[in-house]
All heavy atoms as atom14 arrays in JSON, in Angstrom:
{
  "sequence": "RHGSGLTNMHGSTGDIVFLGSTTEEIEPLFADLTKHGFDLGGSGS",
  "atom14_mask": [
    [1, 1, 1, 1, 1, 1, 1, 1, 1, 1, 1, 0, 0, 0],
    [1, 1, 1, 1, 1, 1, 1, 1, 1, 1, 0, 0, 0, 0],
    [1, 1, 1, 1, 0, 0, 0, 0, 0, 0, 0, 0, 0, 0],
    [1, 1, 1, 1, 1, 1, 0, 0, 0, 0, 0, 0, 0, 0],
    [1, 1, 1, 1, 0, 0, 0, 0, 0, 0, 0, 0, 0, 0],
    [1, 1, 1, 1, 1, 1, 1, 1, 0, 0, 0, 0, 0, 0],
    [1, 1, 1, 1, 1, 1, 1, 0, 0, 0, 0, 0, 0, 0],
    [1, 1, 1, 1, 1, 1, 1, 1, 0, 0, 0, 0, 0, 0],
    [1, 1, 1, 1, 1, 1, 1, 1, 0, 0, 0, 0, 0, 0],
    [1, 1, 1, 1, 1, 1, 1, 1, 1, 1, 0, 0, 0, 0],
    [1, 1, 1, 1, 0, 0, 0, 0, 0, 0, 0, 0, 0, 0],
    [1, 1, 1, 1, 1, 1, 0, 0, 0, 0, 0, 0, 0, 0],
    [1, 1, 1, 1, 1, 1, 1, 0, 0, 0, 0, 0, 0, 0],
    [1, 1, 1, 1, 0, 0, 0, 0, 0, 0, 0, 0, 0, 0],
    [1, 1, 1, 1, 1, 1, 1, 1, 0, 0, 0, 0, 0, 0],
    [1, 1, 1, 1, 1, 1, 1, 1, 0, 0, 0, 0, 0, 0],
    [1, 1, 1, 1, 1, 1, 1, 0, 0, 0, 0, 0, 0, 0],
    [1, 1, 1, 1, 1, 1, 1, 1, 1, 1, 1, 0, 0, 0],
    [1, 1, 1, 1, 1, 1, 1, 1, 0, 0, 0, 0, 0, 0],
    [1, 1, 1, 1, 0, 0, 0, 0, 0, 0, 0, 0, 0, 0],
    [1, 1, 1, 1, 1, 1, 0, 0, 0, 0, 0, 0, 0, 0],
    [1, 1, 1, 1, 1, 1, 1, 0, 0, 0, 0, 0, 0, 0],
    [1, 1, 1, 1, 1, 1, 1, 0, 0, 0, 0, 0, 0, 0],
    [1, 1, 1, 1, 1, 1, 1, 1, 1, 0, 0, 0, 0, 0],
    [1, 1, 1, 1, 1, 1, 1, 1, 1, 0, 0, 0, 0, 0],
    [1, 1, 1, 1, 1, 1, 1, 1, 0, 0, 0, 0, 0, 0],
    [1, 1, 1, 1, 1, 1, 1, 1, 1, 0, 0, 0, 0, 0],
    [1, 1, 1, 1, 1, 1, 1, 0, 0, 0, 0, 0, 0, 0],
    [1, 1, 1, 1, 1, 1, 1, 1, 0, 0, 0, 0, 0, 0],
    [1, 1, 1, 1, 1, 1, 1, 1, 1, 1, 1, 0, 0, 0],
    [1, 1, 1, 1, 1, 0, 0, 0, 0, 0, 0, 0, 0, 0],
    [1, 1, 1, 1, 1, 1, 1, 1, 0, 0, 0, 0, 0, 0],
    [1, 1, 1, 1, 1, 1, 1, 1, 0, 0, 0, 0, 0, 0],
    [1, 1, 1, 1, 1, 1, 1, 0, 0, 0, 0, 0, 0, 0],
    [1, 1, 1, 1, 1, 1, 1, 1, 1, 0, 0, 0, 0, 0],
    [1, 1, 1, 1, 1, 1, 1, 1, 1, 1, 0, 0, 0, 0],
    [1, 1, 1, 1, 0, 0, 0, 0, 0, 0, 0, 0, 0, 0],
    [1, 1, 1, 1, 1, 1, 1, 1, 1, 1, 1, 0, 0, 0],
    [1, 1, 1, 1, 1, 1, 1, 1, 0, 0, 0, 0, 0, 0],
    [1, 1, 1, 1, 1, 1, 1, 1, 0, 0, 0, 0, 0, 0],
    [1, 1, 1, 1, 0, 0, 0, 0, 0, 0, 0, 0, 0, 0],
    [1, 1, 1, 1, 0, 0, 0, 0, 0, 0, 0, 0, 0, 0],
    [1, 1, 1, 1, 1, 1, 0, 0, 0, 0, 0, 0, 0, 0],
    [1, 1, 1, 1, 0, 0, 0, 0, 0, 0, 0, 0, 0, 0],
    [1, 1, 1, 1, 1, 1, 0, 0, 0, 0, 0, 0, 0, 0]
  ],
  "atom14_positions": [
    [[-27.94, 81.97, 102.45], [-26.82, 82.5, 103.24], [-25.48, 82.02, 102.71], [-24.47, 82.72, 102.85], [-26.96, 82.08, 104.71], [-28.04, 82.82, 105.46], [-27.89, 82.65, 106.97], [-28.17, 81.3, 107.42], [-29.38, 80.87, 107.79], [-30.42, 81.68, 107.72], [-29.54, 79.63, 108.22], [0.0, 0.0, 0.0], [0.0, 0.0, 0.0], [0.0, 0.0, 0.0]],
    [[-25.45, 80.83, 102.12], [-24.15, 80.21, 101.81], [-23.9, 79.94, 100.33], [-22.78, 79.54, 99.97], [-24.04, 78.88, 102.56], [-24.12, 79.02, 104.05], [-23.1, 79.54, 104.81], [-25.12, 78.72, 104.92], [-23.45, 79.54, 106.08], [-24.68, 79.05, 106.18], [0.0, 0.0, 0.0], [0.0, 0.0, 0.0], [0.0, 0.0, 0.0], [0.0, 0.0, 0.0]],
    [[-24.89, 80.13, 99.48], [-24.69, 79.77, 98.08], [-25.47, 80.64, 97.12], [-25.89, 81.75, 97.45], [0.0, 0.0, 0.0], [0.0, 0.0, 0.0], [0.0, 0.0, 0.0], [0.0, 0.0, 0.0], [0.0, 0.0, 0.0], [0.0, 0.0, 0.0], [0.0, 0.0, 0.0], [0.0, 0.0, 0.0], [0.0, 0.0, 0.0], [0.0, 0.0, 0.0]],
    [[-25.68, 80.1, 95.93], [-26.31, 80.85, 94.85], [-27.81, 81.03, 95.03], [-28.42, 81.89, 94.4], [-26.06, 80.11, 93.52], [-26.81, 78.9, 93.49], [0.0, 0.0, 0.0], [0.0, 0.0, 0.0], [0.0, 0.0, 0.0], [0.0, 0.0, 0.0], [0.0, 0.0, 0.0], [0.0, 0.0, 0.0], [0.0, 0.0, 0.0], [0.0, 0.0, 0.0]],
    [[-28.44, 80.19, 95.85], [-29.89, 80.2, 95.98], [-30.59, 79.3, 94.98], [-31.8, 79.11, 95.06], [0.0, 0.0, 0.0], [0.0, 0.0, 0.0], [0.0, 0.0, 0.0], [0.0, 0.0, 0.0], [0.0, 0.0, 0.0], [0.0, 0.0, 0.0], [0.0, 0.0, 0.0], [0.0, 0.0, 0.0], [0.0, 0.0, 0.0], [0.0, 0.0, 0.0]],
    [[-29.83, 78.72, 94.03], [-30.41, 77.83, 93.03], [-30.54, 76.42, 93.6], [-29.61, 75.9, 94.22], [-29.53, 77.79, 91.78], [-29.31, 79.12, 91.06], [-28.33, 78.93, 89.91], [-30.62, 79.69, 90.55], [0.0, 0.0, 0.0], [0.0, 0.0, 0.0], [0.0, 0.0, 0.0], [0.0, 0.0, 0.0], [0.0, 0.0, 0.0], [0.0, 0.0, 0.0]],
    [[-31.69, 75.81, 93.39], [-31.92, 74.44, 93.89], [-32.48, 73.56, 92.78], [-33.02, 74.05, 91.78], [-32.92, 74.42, 95.06], [-34.2, 74.89, 94.6], [-32.45, 75.3, 96.2], [0.0, 0.0, 0.0], [0.0, 0.0, 0.0], [0.0, 0.0, 0.0], [0.0, 0.0, 0.0], [0.0, 0.0, 0.0], [0.0, 0.0, 0.0], [0.0, 0.0, 0.0]],
    [[-32.37, 72.27, 92.99], [-33.01, 71.27, 92.15], [-33.77, 70.34, 93.09], [-33.18, 69.62, 93.87], [-31.96, 70.5, 91.35], [-32.55, 69.4, 90.49], [-33.77, 69.19, 90.47], [-31.7, 68.68, 89.77], [0.0, 0.0, 0.0], [0.0, 0.0, 0.0], [0.0, 0.0, 0.0], [0.0, 0.0, 0.0], [0.0, 0.0, 0.0], [0.0, 0.0, 0.0]],
    [[-35.08, 70.38, 93.0], [-35.92, 69.55, 93.88], [-36.65, 68.5, 93.04], [-37.71, 68.75, 92.51], [-36.93, 70.41, 94.62], [-36.35, 71.56, 95.41], [-35.44, 71.08, 96.88], [-36.77, 70.9, 98.03], [0.0, 0.0, 0.0], [0.0, 0.0, 0.0], [0.0, 0.0, 0.0], [0.0, 0.0, 0.0], [0.0, 0.0, 0.0], [0.0, 0.0, 0.0]],
    [[-36.1, 67.34, 92.83], [-34.91, 66.78, 93.46], [-34.03, 66.17, 92.39], [-34.43, 66.06, 91.23], [-35.31, 65.69, 94.46], [-36.16, 66.18, 95.58], [-37.51, 66.39, 95.47], [-35.85, 66.51, 96.86], [-38.0, 66.81, 96.61], [-37.02, 66.9, 97.48], [0.0, 0.0, 0.0], [0.0, 0.0, 0.0], [0.0, 0.0, 0.0], [0.0, 0.0, 0.0]],
    [[-32.82, 65.71, 92.77], [-31.95, 65.03, 91.83], [-32.48, 63.66, 91.49], [-33.42, 63.15, 92.09], [0.0, 0.0, 0.0], [0.0, 0.0, 0.0], [0.0, 0.0, 0.0], [0.0, 0.0, 0.0], [0.0, 0.0, 0.0], [0.0, 0.0, 0.0], [0.0, 0.0, 0.0], [0.0, 0.0, 0.0], [0.0, 0.0, 0.0], [0.0, 0.0, 0.0]],
    [[-31.83, 63.0, 90.53], [-32.31, 61.69, 90.06], [-32.24, 60.63, 91.15], [-33.0, 59.66, 91.13], [-31.5, 61.23, 88.83], [-30.14, 61.11, 89.15], [0.0, 0.0, 0.0], [0.0, 0.0, 0.0], [0.0, 0.0, 0.0], [0.0, 0.0, 0.0], [0.0, 0.0, 0.0], [0.0, 0.0, 0.0], [0.0, 0.0, 0.0], [0.0, 0.0, 0.0]],
    [[-31.33, 60.79, 92.11], [-31.26, 59.85, 93.22], [-32.24, 60.22, 94.33], [-32.52, 59.43, 95.21], [-29.82, 59.8, 93.78], [-28.93, 59.48, 92.71], [-29.67, 58.75, 94.85], [0.0, 0.0, 0.0], [0.0, 0.0, 0.0], [0.0, 0.0, 0.0], [0.0, 0.0, 0.0], [0.0, 0.0, 0.0], [0.0, 0.0, 0.0], [0.0, 0.0, 0.0]],
    [[-32.74, 61.44, 94.29], [-33.72, 61.86, 95.27], [-33.29, 63.0, 96.16], [-34.09, 63.58, 96.88], [0.0, 0.0, 0.0], [0.0, 0.0, 0.0], [0.0, 0.0, 0.0], [0.0, 0.0, 0.0], [0.0, 0.0, 0.0], [0.0, 0.0, 0.0], [0.0, 0.0, 0.0], [0.0, 0.0, 0.0], [0.0, 0.0, 0.0], [0.0, 0.0, 0.0]],
    [[-31.98, 63.32, 96.14], [-31.47, 64.35, 97.05], [-32.03, 65.73, 96.73], [-32.38, 66.04, 95.59], [-29.94, 64.45, 96.92], [-29.23, 63.17, 97.23], [-29.01, 62.89, 98.41], [-28.88, 62.43, 96.29], [0.0, 0.0, 0.0], [0.0, 0.0, 0.0], [0.0, 0.0, 0.0], [0.0, 0.0, 0.0], [0.0, 0.0, 0.0], [0.0, 0.0, 0.0]],
    [[-32.07, 66.57, 97.77], [-32.2, 68.01, 97.57], [-30.85, 68.47, 97.01], [-29.8, 68.16, 97.59], [-32.46, 68.73, 98.9], [-33.65, 68.1, 99.64], [-32.64, 70.21, 98.7], [-33.65, 68.37, 101.13], [0.0, 0.0, 0.0], [0.0, 0.0, 0.0], [0.0, 0.0, 0.0], [0.0, 0.0, 0.0], [0.0, 0.0, 0.0], [0.0, 0.0, 0.0]],
    [[-30.85, 69.19, 95.9], [-29.6, 69.59, 95.27], [-29.44, 71.1, 95.38], [-30.29, 71.86, 94.91], [-29.56, 69.14, 93.79], [-28.26, 69.61, 93.14], [-29.69, 67.63, 93.69], [0.0, 0.0, 0.0], [0.0, 0.0, 0.0], [0.0, 0.0, 0.0], [0.0, 0.0, 0.0], [0.0, 0.0, 0.0], [0.0, 0.0, 0.0], [0.0, 0.0, 0.0]],
    [[-28.35, 71.52, 96.0], [-27.97, 72.93, 96.07], [-26.91, 73.18, 95.0], [-25.83, 72.58, 95.03], [-27.39, 73.27, 97.44], [-28.4, 73.31, 98.56], [-27.98, 73.37, 99.88], [-29.76, 73.32, 98.3], [-28.9, 73.44, 100.92], [-30.69, 73.37, 99.32], [-30.26, 73.43, 100.64], [0.0, 0.0, 0.0], [0.0, 0.0, 0.0], [0.0, 0.0, 0.0]],
    [[-27.21, 74.08, 94.07], [-26.34, 74.31, 92.92], [-25.55, 75.6, 93.1], [-26.12, 76.7, 93.01], [-27.17, 74.4, 91.64], [-27.89, 73.13, 91.21], [-28.96, 73.45, 90.17], [-26.9, 72.15, 90.63], [0.0, 0.0, 0.0], [0.0, 0.0, 0.0], [0.0, 0.0, 0.0], [0.0, 0.0, 0.0], [0.0, 0.0, 0.0], [0.0, 0.0, 0.0]],
    [[-24.25, 75.47, 93.35], [-23.39, 76.63, 93.29], [-22.99, 77.28, 94.59], [-23.7, 78.12, 95.12], [0.0, 0.0, 0.0], [0.0, 0.0, 0.0], [0.0, 0.0, 0.0], [0.0, 0.0, 0.0], [0.0, 0.0, 0.0], [0.0, 0.0, 0.0], [0.0, 0.0, 0.0], [0.0, 0.0, 0.0], [0.0, 0.0, 0.0], [0.0, 0.0, 0.0]],
    [[-21.83, 76.86, 95.14], [-21.26, 77.57, 96.28], [-19.76, 77.72, 96.06], [-19.15, 77.0, 95.27], [-21.5, 76.82, 97.59], [-20.53, 75.8, 97.8], [0.0, 0.0, 0.0], [0.0, 0.0, 0.0], [0.0, 0.0, 0.0], [0.0, 0.0, 0.0], [0.0, 0.0, 0.0], [0.0, 0.0, 0.0], [0.0, 0.0, 0.0], [0.0, 0.0, 0.0]],
    [[-19.15, 78.65, 96.77], [-17.7, 78.77, 96.75], [-17.09, 77.72, 97.67], [-17.78, 77.13, 98.51], [-17.27, 80.17, 97.21], [-17.7, 80.35, 98.57], [-17.88, 81.25, 96.33], [0.0, 0.0, 0.0], [0.0, 0.0, 0.0], [0.0, 0.0, 0.0], [0.0, 0.0, 0.0], [0.0, 0.0, 0.0], [0.0, 0.0, 0.0], [0.0, 0.0, 0.0]],
    [[-15.8, 77.51, 97.54], [-15.12, 76.54, 98.39], [-15.15, 76.97, 99.85], [-15.31, 76.15, 100.76], [-13.66, 76.38, 97.93], [-13.64, 76.0, 96.54], [-12.93, 75.32, 98.75], [0.0, 0.0, 0.0], [0.0, 0.0, 0.0], [0.0, 0.0, 0.0], [0.0, 0.0, 0.0], [0.0, 0.0, 0.0], [0.0, 0.0, 0.0], [0.0, 0.0, 0.0]],
    [[-15.06, 78.28, 100.09], [-15.02, 78.8, 101.46], [-16.33, 78.56, 102.21], [-16.34, 78.51, 103.45], [-14.72, 80.3, 101.45], [-13.34, 80.68, 100.95], [-13.2, 80.55, 99.44], [-14.24, 80.57, 98.74], [-12.05, 80.42, 98.96], [0.0, 0.0, 0.0], [0.0, 0.0, 0.0], [0.0, 0.0, 0.0], [0.0, 0.0, 0.0], [0.0, 0.0, 0.0]],
    [[-17.43, 78.37, 101.5], [-18.73, 78.21, 102.13], [-19.12, 76.75, 102.38], [-20.18, 76.49, 102.94], [-19.82, 78.89, 101.3], [-19.79, 80.4, 101.34], [-20.11, 80.96, 102.71], [-20.8, 80.28, 103.51], [-19.66, 82.09, 103.01], [0.0, 0.0, 0.0], [0.0, 0.0, 0.0], [0.0, 0.0, 0.0], [0.0, 0.0, 0.0], [0.0, 0.0, 0.0]],
    [[-18.28, 75.8, 101.99], [-18.65, 74.39, 102.12], [-18.84, 74.0, 103.58], [-19.88, 73.43, 103.96], [-17.59, 73.49, 101.44], [-17.65, 73.66, 99.93], [-17.82, 72.01, 101.82], [-16.57, 72.89, 99.18], [0.0, 0.0, 0.0], [0.0, 0.0, 0.0], [0.0, 0.0, 0.0], [0.0, 0.0, 0.0], [0.0, 0.0, 0.0], [0.0, 0.0, 0.0]],
    [[-17.86, 74.28, 104.42], [-17.97, 73.9, 105.84], [-19.05, 74.7, 106.58], [-19.82, 74.12, 107.34], [-16.61, 74.05, 106.53], [-15.6, 72.96, 106.2], [-15.93, 71.62, 106.87], [-16.88, 71.56, 107.67], [-15.24, 70.63, 106.56], [0.0, 0.0, 0.0], [0.0, 0.0, 0.0], [0.0, 0.0, 0.0], [0.0, 0.0, 0.0], [0.0, 0.0, 0.0]],
    [[-19.13, 76.02, 106.39], [-20.21, 76.77, 107.06], [-21.6, 76.28, 106.65], [-22.51, 76.23, 107.49], [-19.97, 78.21, 106.61], [-18.51, 78.28, 106.3], [-18.16, 76.94, 105.74], [0.0, 0.0, 0.0], [0.0, 0.0, 0.0], [0.0, 0.0, 0.0], [0.0, 0.0, 0.0], [0.0, 0.0, 0.0], [0.0, 0.0, 0.0], [0.0, 0.0, 0.0]],
    [[-21.77, 75.93, 105.39], [-23.07, 75.4, 104.94], [-23.4, 74.1, 105.65], [-24.52, 73.9, 106.15], [-23.05, 75.18, 103.43], [-24.23, 74.39, 102.85], [-25.54, 75.13, 103.05], [-24.01, 74.08, 101.38], [0.0, 0.0, 0.0], [0.0, 0.0, 0.0], [0.0, 0.0, 0.0], [0.0, 0.0, 0.0], [0.0, 0.0, 0.0], [0.0, 0.0, 0.0]],
    [[-22.42, 73.21, 105.73], [-22.64, 71.92, 106.39], [-22.98, 72.11, 107.87], [-23.89, 71.46, 108.4], [-21.38, 71.05, 106.24], [-21.48, 69.72, 106.92], [-22.42, 68.78, 106.54], [-20.61, 69.38, 107.96], [-22.52, 67.55, 107.17], [-20.68, 68.16, 108.59], [-21.64, 67.24, 108.2], [0.0, 0.0, 0.0], [0.0, 0.0, 0.0], [0.0, 0.0, 0.0]],
    [[-22.29, 73.02, 108.52], [-22.57, 73.3, 109.93], [-23.98, 73.83, 110.12], [-24.69, 73.45, 111.06], [-21.55, 74.29, 110.48], [0.0, 0.0, 0.0], [0.0, 0.0, 0.0], [0.0, 0.0, 0.0], [0.0, 0.0, 0.0], [0.0, 0.0, 0.0], [0.0, 0.0, 0.0], [0.0, 0.0, 0.0], [0.0, 0.0, 0.0], [0.0, 0.0, 0.0]],
    [[-24.41, 74.68, 109.21], [-25.76, 75.25, 109.27], [-26.82, 74.17, 109.03], [-27.86, 74.13, 109.69], [-25.89, 76.37, 108.24], [-26.79, 77.5, 108.72], [-27.47, 77.33, 109.74], [-26.82, 78.56, 108.06], [0.0, 0.0, 0.0], [0.0, 0.0, 0.0], [0.0, 0.0, 0.0], [0.0, 0.0, 0.0], [0.0, 0.0, 0.0], [0.0, 0.0, 0.0]],
    [[-26.56, 73.29, 108.08], [-27.5, 72.2, 107.8], [-27.65, 71.27, 109.0], [-28.77, 70.94, 109.42], [-27.03, 71.4, 106.58], [-27.23, 72.02, 105.21], [-26.49, 71.21, 104.14], [-28.71, 72.09, 104.84], [0.0, 0.0, 0.0], [0.0, 0.0, 0.0], [0.0, 0.0, 0.0], [0.0, 0.0, 0.0], [0.0, 0.0, 0.0], [0.0, 0.0, 0.0]],
    [[-26.54, 70.83, 109.56], [-26.6, 69.89, 110.68], [-27.22, 70.54, 111.92], [-27.91, 69.86, 112.69], [-25.21, 69.35, 111.02], [-24.31, 70.44, 111.26], [-24.66, 68.51, 109.88], [0.0, 0.0, 0.0], [0.0, 0.0, 0.0], [0.0, 0.0, 0.0], [0.0, 0.0, 0.0], [0.0, 0.0, 0.0], [0.0, 0.0, 0.0], [0.0, 0.0, 0.0]],
    [[-27.01, 71.83, 112.09], [-27.62, 72.55, 113.21], [-29.14, 72.47, 113.14], [-29.83, 72.41, 114.17], [-27.16, 74.0, 113.19], [-27.81, 74.88, 114.26], [-27.34, 76.32, 114.12], [-28.06, 77.22, 115.11], [-27.63, 78.65, 114.96], [0.0, 0.0, 0.0], [0.0, 0.0, 0.0], [0.0, 0.0, 0.0], [0.0, 0.0, 0.0], [0.0, 0.0, 0.0]],
    [[-29.67, 72.42, 111.92], [-31.12, 72.39, 111.73], [-31.65, 70.99, 111.4], [-32.79, 70.83, 110.93], [-31.52, 73.36, 110.62], [-31.35, 74.81, 111.0], [-30.16, 75.49, 110.82], [-32.22, 75.69, 111.58], [-30.3, 76.73, 111.25], [-31.53, 76.88, 111.72], [0.0, 0.0, 0.0], [0.0, 0.0, 0.0], [0.0, 0.0, 0.0], [0.0, 0.0, 0.0]],
    [[-30.82, 69.96, 111.62], [-31.3, 68.59, 111.51], [-31.18, 67.94, 110.15], [-31.74, 66.87, 109.91], [0.0, 0.0, 0.0], [0.0, 0.0, 0.0], [0.0, 0.0, 0.0], [0.0, 0.0, 0.0], [0.0, 0.0, 0.0], [0.0, 0.0, 0.0], [0.0, 0.0, 0.0], [0.0, 0.0, 0.0], [0.0, 0.0, 0.0], [0.0, 0.0, 0.0]],
    [[-30.42, 68.56, 109.23], [-30.23, 67.98, 107.91], [-28.82, 67.43, 107.78], [-27.91, 67.79, 108.53], [-30.47, 69.03, 106.82], [-31.91, 69.48, 106.72], [-32.34, 70.62, 107.4], [-32.84, 68.76, 105.99], [-33.65, 71.04, 107.33], [-34.15, 69.17, 105.92], [-34.57, 70.31, 106.58], [0.0, 0.0, 0.0], [0.0, 0.0, 0.0], [0.0, 0.0, 0.0]],
    [[-28.63, 66.55, 106.81], [-27.32, 65.94, 106.57], [-27.07, 65.89, 105.07], [-28.01, 65.96, 104.26], [-27.29, 64.51, 107.15], [-25.88, 63.96, 107.27], [-24.91, 64.7, 107.0], [-25.75, 62.78, 107.62], [0.0, 0.0, 0.0], [0.0, 0.0, 0.0], [0.0, 0.0, 0.0], [0.0, 0.0, 0.0], [0.0, 0.0, 0.0], [0.0, 0.0, 0.0]],
    [[-25.81, 65.74, 104.69], [-25.49, 65.58, 103.28], [-25.88, 64.19, 102.8], [-25.93, 63.23, 103.57], [-23.99, 65.81, 103.05], [-23.46, 67.22, 103.28], [-21.97, 67.27, 102.98], [-24.2, 68.24, 102.41], [0.0, 0.0, 0.0], [0.0, 0.0, 0.0], [0.0, 0.0, 0.0], [0.0, 0.0, 0.0], [0.0, 0.0, 0.0], [0.0, 0.0, 0.0]],
    [[-26.13, 64.07, 101.51], [-26.41, 62.79, 100.89], [-25.14, 62.16, 100.33], [-24.03, 62.56, 100.66], [0.0, 0.0, 0.0], [0.0, 0.0, 0.0], [0.0, 0.0, 0.0], [0.0, 0.0, 0.0], [0.0, 0.0, 0.0], [0.0, 0.0, 0.0], [0.0, 0.0, 0.0], [0.0, 0.0, 0.0], [0.0, 0.0, 0.0], [0.0, 0.0, 0.0]],
    [[-25.32, 61.18, 99.46], [-24.18, 60.45, 98.93], [-23.76, 60.93, 97.56], [-24.56, 61.4, 96.77], [0.0, 0.0, 0.0], [0.0, 0.0, 0.0], [0.0, 0.0, 0.0], [0.0, 0.0, 0.0], [0.0, 0.0, 0.0], [0.0, 0.0, 0.0], [0.0, 0.0, 0.0], [0.0, 0.0, 0.0], [0.0, 0.0, 0.0], [0.0, 0.0, 0.0]],
    [[-22.47, 60.82, 97.28], [-21.93, 61.07, 95.95], [-20.62, 60.29, 95.84], [-20.04, 59.89, 96.85], [-21.68, 62.56, 95.7], [-20.63, 63.04, 96.5], [0.0, 0.0, 0.0], [0.0, 0.0, 0.0], [0.0, 0.0, 0.0], [0.0, 0.0, 0.0], [0.0, 0.0, 0.0], [0.0, 0.0, 0.0], [0.0, 0.0, 0.0], [0.0, 0.0, 0.0]],
    [[-20.18, 60.07, 94.63], [-18.95, 59.31, 94.44], [-19.2, 57.81, 94.56], [-20.32, 57.31, 94.43], [0.0, 0.0, 0.0], [0.0, 0.0, 0.0], [0.0, 0.0, 0.0], [0.0, 0.0, 0.0], [0.0, 0.0, 0.0], [0.0, 0.0, 0.0], [0.0, 0.0, 0.0], [0.0, 0.0, 0.0], [0.0, 0.0, 0.0], [0.0, 0.0, 0.0]],
    [[-18.14, 57.06, 94.84], [-18.2, 55.6, 94.87], [-18.66, 55.09, 96.23], [-17.92, 54.42, 96.96], [-16.83, 55.02, 94.5], [-16.49, 55.38, 93.18], [0.0, 0.0, 0.0], [0.0, 0.0, 0.0], [0.0, 0.0, 0.0], [0.0, 0.0, 0.0], [0.0, 0.0, 0.0], [0.0, 0.0, 0.0], [0.0, 0.0, 0.0], [0.0, 0.0, 0.0]]
  ]
}
């Protein structure tokens, strides 16, 4: 619904990786994930 449909199961840290969304879909994707009990993982420092 929100991105390219491409995934990486899993990244080197273990996360589910969703590859490829537009900037406009970032917040709607997060809202959809949290609605279904998922959360974002870590990145950066």
